[in-house]
Amino acid sequence: MKIAVAALVAVLAFAVASSADAKGCIKGAIVGGVAGHYAGHHGALGAAAGCLYGRHRAHEQDKQQEQQSQANGQGKI
């Protein structure tokens, strides 16, 4: 349990340090850490996987919003 908490704190600290890449990471790390802990005491592995998935999901949502704004004529200037 102590290792899982320490790993989660480390992931969160890393996410805060690199805020440009942290979008979606914190939420994913928390959910993944809890799920990993309950699925066999693999909280650190779950937190890392959750962070990666959260970043991927946030990137996909940003890309989709950009495409929608360009389709509506509201592209970046």
N, C-alpha and C. Protein backbone atom coordinates (compact mmCIF):
# COMPACT_ATOMS: atom_id res chain seq x y z
N MET A 1 0.83 -1.19 0.00
CA MET A 1 0.00 0.00 0.00
C MET A 1 0.88 1.25 0.00
N LYS A 2 1.94 1.22 0.79
CA LYS A 2 2.83 2.38 0.85
C LYS A 2 3.50 2.63 -0.51
N ILE A 3 3.84 1.55 -1.21
CA ILE A 3 4.49 1.69 -2.51
C ILE A 3 3.51 2.30 -3.51
N ALA A 4 2.26 1.88 -3.47
CA ALA A 4 1.25 2.41 -4.39
C ALA A 4 1.04 3.90 -4.15
N VAL A 5 0.96 4.29 -2.90
CA VAL A 5 0.77 5.71 -2.57
C VAL A 5 1.99 6.51 -3.00
N ALA A 6 3.18 5.98 -2.76
CA ALA A 6 4.41 6.68 -3.15
C ALA A 6 4.49 6.82 -4.67
N ALA A 7 4.10 5.78 -5.39
CA ALA A 7 4.13 5.84 -6.85
C ALA A 7 3.11 6.85 -7.37
N LEU A 8 1.94 6.88 -6.75
CA LEU A 8 0.92 7.83 -7.16
C LEU A 8 1.38 9.27 -6.92
N VAL A 9 2.01 9.49 -5.78
CA VAL A 9 2.54 10.83 -5.48
C VAL A 9 3.63 11.20 -6.49
N ALA A 10 4.48 10.25 -6.84
CA ALA A 10 5.54 10.52 -7.82
C ALA A 10 4.95 10.86 -9.19
N VAL A 11 3.93 10.12 -9.59
CA VAL A 11 3.29 10.39 -10.89
C VAL A 11 2.63 11.77 -10.87
N LEU A 12 1.95 12.09 -9.79
CA LEU A 12 1.30 13.40 -9.70
C LEU A 12 2.32 14.53 -9.68
N ALA A 13 3.43 14.33 -8.99
CA ALA A 13 4.48 15.35 -8.97
C ALA A 13 5.07 15.55 -10.36
N PHE A 14 5.27 14.47 -11.07
CA PHE A 14 5.79 14.57 -12.43
C PHE A 14 4.79 15.28 -13.34
N ALA A 15 3.52 14.98 -13.15
CA ALA A 15 2.47 15.60 -13.97
C ALA A 15 2.40 17.09 -13.73
N VAL A 16 2.57 17.51 -12.49
CA VAL A 16 2.54 18.93 -12.17
C VAL A 16 3.78 19.63 -12.73
N ALA A 17 4.91 18.95 -12.70
CA ALA A 17 6.15 19.54 -13.18
C ALA A 17 6.10 19.79 -14.68
N SER A 18 5.45 18.92 -15.42
CA SER A 18 5.35 19.10 -16.87
C SER A 18 3.89 19.34 -17.22
N SER A 19 3.40 20.50 -16.91
CA SER A 19 1.97 20.78 -17.06
C SER A 19 1.51 20.75 -18.51
N ALA A 20 2.40 20.94 -19.46
CA ALA A 20 1.99 20.90 -20.85
C ALA A 20 1.53 19.49 -21.25
N ASP A 21 2.11 18.47 -20.66
CA ASP A 21 1.76 17.10 -20.97
C ASP A 21 0.83 16.48 -19.95
N ALA A 22 0.44 17.25 -18.93
CA ALA A 22 -0.31 16.69 -17.81
C ALA A 22 -1.82 16.64 -18.05
N LYS A 23 -2.29 17.19 -19.12
CA LYS A 23 -3.72 17.23 -19.34
C LYS A 23 -4.27 15.82 -19.43
N GLY A 24 -5.12 15.46 -18.50
CA GLY A 24 -5.71 14.13 -18.45
C GLY A 24 -4.92 13.14 -17.63
N CYS A 25 -3.67 13.44 -17.32
CA CYS A 25 -2.82 12.49 -16.62
C CYS A 25 -3.23 12.30 -15.17
N ILE A 26 -3.53 13.37 -14.48
CA ILE A 26 -3.81 13.28 -13.06
C ILE A 26 -5.07 12.46 -12.81
N LYS A 27 -6.12 12.77 -13.53
CA LYS A 27 -7.37 12.03 -13.37
C LYS A 27 -7.18 10.56 -13.73
N GLY A 28 -6.49 10.30 -14.82
CA GLY A 28 -6.23 8.92 -15.24
C GLY A 28 -5.37 8.17 -14.26
N ALA A 29 -4.38 8.85 -13.67
CA ALA A 29 -3.50 8.20 -12.70
C ALA A 29 -4.26 7.82 -11.44
N ILE A 30 -5.14 8.68 -11.00
CA ILE A 30 -5.91 8.38 -9.80
C ILE A 30 -6.83 7.19 -10.04
N VAL A 31 -7.57 7.23 -11.13
CA VAL A 31 -8.50 6.14 -11.44
C VAL A 31 -7.72 4.84 -11.68
N GLY A 32 -6.64 4.92 -12.44
CA GLY A 32 -5.84 3.72 -12.72
C GLY A 32 -5.17 3.16 -11.49
N GLY A 33 -4.71 4.03 -10.60
CA GLY A 33 -4.08 3.57 -9.37
C GLY A 33 -5.04 2.84 -8.47
N VAL A 34 -6.24 3.36 -8.34
CA VAL A 34 -7.26 2.70 -7.51
C VAL A 34 -7.67 1.37 -8.14
N ALA A 35 -7.89 1.38 -9.45
CA ALA A 35 -8.28 0.14 -10.12
C ALA A 35 -7.17 -0.90 -10.04
N GLY A 36 -5.93 -0.47 -10.24
CA GLY A 36 -4.80 -1.40 -10.15
C GLY A 36 -4.62 -1.95 -8.75
N HIS A 37 -4.87 -1.13 -7.77
CA HIS A 37 -4.75 -1.60 -6.38
C HIS A 37 -5.75 -2.70 -6.08
N TYR A 38 -6.98 -2.50 -6.50
CA TYR A 38 -8.02 -3.49 -6.23
C TYR A 38 -7.93 -4.70 -7.16
N ALA A 39 -7.23 -4.59 -8.25
CA ALA A 39 -7.12 -5.71 -9.19
C ALA A 39 -5.81 -6.47 -9.00
N GLY A 40 -5.32 -6.54 -7.79
CA GLY A 40 -4.14 -7.36 -7.54
C GLY A 40 -2.97 -6.59 -6.97
N HIS A 41 -3.22 -5.50 -6.31
CA HIS A 41 -2.18 -4.70 -5.66
C HIS A 41 -1.12 -4.22 -6.66
N HIS A 42 -1.57 -3.74 -7.80
CA HIS A 42 -0.69 -3.18 -8.82
C HIS A 42 -1.04 -1.71 -9.02
N GLY A 43 -1.07 -0.96 -7.93
CA GLY A 43 -1.48 0.44 -7.99
C GLY A 43 -0.55 1.30 -8.82
N ALA A 44 0.76 1.07 -8.70
CA ALA A 44 1.71 1.88 -9.45
C ALA A 44 1.58 1.63 -10.95
N LEU A 45 1.43 0.38 -11.31
CA LEU A 45 1.26 0.04 -12.72
C LEU A 45 -0.05 0.62 -13.25
N GLY A 46 -1.10 0.54 -12.45
CA GLY A 46 -2.38 1.11 -12.85
C GLY A 46 -2.32 2.61 -12.98
N ALA A 47 -1.59 3.27 -12.07
CA ALA A 47 -1.46 4.73 -12.14
C ALA A 47 -0.70 5.15 -13.39
N ALA A 48 0.36 4.44 -13.72
CA ALA A 48 1.13 4.76 -14.92
C ALA A 48 0.29 4.55 -16.18
N ALA A 49 -0.42 3.44 -16.24
CA ALA A 49 -1.26 3.16 -17.40
C ALA A 49 -2.40 4.17 -17.48
N GLY A 50 -2.99 4.52 -16.35
CA GLY A 50 -4.07 5.50 -16.33
C GLY A 50 -3.61 6.86 -16.79
N CYS A 51 -2.40 7.24 -16.40
CA CYS A 51 -1.84 8.52 -16.83
C CYS A 51 -1.66 8.53 -18.35
N LEU A 52 -1.10 7.47 -18.88
CA LEU A 52 -0.89 7.41 -20.33
C LEU A 52 -2.22 7.44 -21.09
N TYR A 53 -3.20 6.69 -20.58
CA TYR A 53 -4.50 6.68 -21.24
C TYR A 53 -5.17 8.05 -21.14
N GLY A 54 -5.06 8.69 -19.98
CA GLY A 54 -5.66 10.02 -19.81
C GLY A 54 -5.05 11.05 -20.75
N ARG A 55 -3.73 11.00 -20.92
CA ARG A 55 -3.07 11.92 -21.85
C ARG A 55 -3.53 11.65 -23.28
N HIS A 56 -3.62 10.36 -23.64
CA HIS A 56 -4.06 10.00 -24.99
C HIS A 56 -5.48 10.48 -25.25
N ARG A 57 -6.35 10.26 -24.28
CA ARG A 57 -7.76 10.66 -24.41
C ARG A 57 -7.90 12.18 -24.53
N ALA A 58 -7.14 12.92 -23.72
CA ALA A 58 -7.18 14.38 -23.78
C ALA A 58 -6.69 14.88 -25.14
N HIS A 59 -5.64 14.24 -25.66
CA HIS A 59 -5.11 14.63 -26.97
C HIS A 59 -6.14 14.38 -28.06
N GLU A 60 -6.82 13.25 -28.00
CA GLU A 60 -7.85 12.94 -28.99
C GLU A 60 -9.02 13.93 -28.91
N GLN A 61 -9.41 14.31 -27.71
CA GLN A 61 -10.50 15.28 -27.55
C GLN A 61 -10.09 16.65 -28.09
N ASP A 62 -8.85 17.06 -27.84
CA ASP A 62 -8.36 18.33 -28.37
C ASP A 62 -8.36 18.32 -29.90
N LYS A 63 -7.92 17.20 -30.46
CA LYS A 63 -7.89 17.09 -31.92
C LYS A 63 -9.30 17.15 -32.50
N GLN A 64 -10.25 16.50 -31.84
CA GLN A 64 -11.63 16.50 -32.31
C GLN A 64 -12.24 17.90 -32.21
N GLN A 65 -11.97 18.61 -31.12
CA GLN A 65 -12.49 19.97 -30.97
C GLN A 65 -11.89 20.90 -32.01
N GLU A 66 -10.62 20.71 -32.33
CA GLU A 66 -9.97 21.54 -33.35
C GLU A 66 -10.60 21.30 -34.71
N GLN A 67 -10.89 20.05 -35.03
CA GLN A 67 -11.52 19.73 -36.30
C GLN A 67 -12.93 20.31 -36.38
N GLN A 68 -13.67 20.28 -35.27
CA GLN A 68 -15.01 20.84 -35.26
C GLN A 68 -14.97 22.35 -35.40
N SER A 69 -14.02 23.00 -34.75
CA SER A 69 -13.94 24.46 -34.85
C SER A 69 -13.54 24.89 -36.26
N GLN A 70 -12.68 24.11 -36.91
CA GLN A 70 -12.31 24.43 -38.28
C GLN A 70 -13.48 24.20 -39.24
N ALA A 71 -14.29 23.20 -38.96
CA ALA A 71 -15.46 22.94 -39.80
C ALA A 71 -16.50 24.05 -39.64
N ASN A 72 -16.54 24.67 -38.48
CA ASN A 72 -17.48 25.77 -38.24
C ASN A 72 -16.92 27.13 -38.64
N GLY A 73 -15.72 27.13 -39.19
CA GLY A 73 -15.11 28.40 -39.61
C GLY A 73 -14.49 29.17 -38.47
N GLN A 74 -14.17 28.50 -37.39
CA GLN A 74 -13.57 29.17 -36.23
C GLN A 74 -12.15 28.65 -36.01
N GLY A 75 -11.37 28.51 -37.04
CA GLY A 75 -10.01 27.99 -36.91
C GLY A 75 -9.10 28.94 -36.16
N LYS A 76 -7.91 28.47 -35.85
CA LYS A 76 -6.94 29.28 -35.13
C LYS A 76 -6.43 30.39 -36.03
N ILE A 77 -6.21 31.53 -35.42
CA ILE A 77 -5.72 32.69 -36.20
C ILE A 77 -4.26 32.88 -35.90
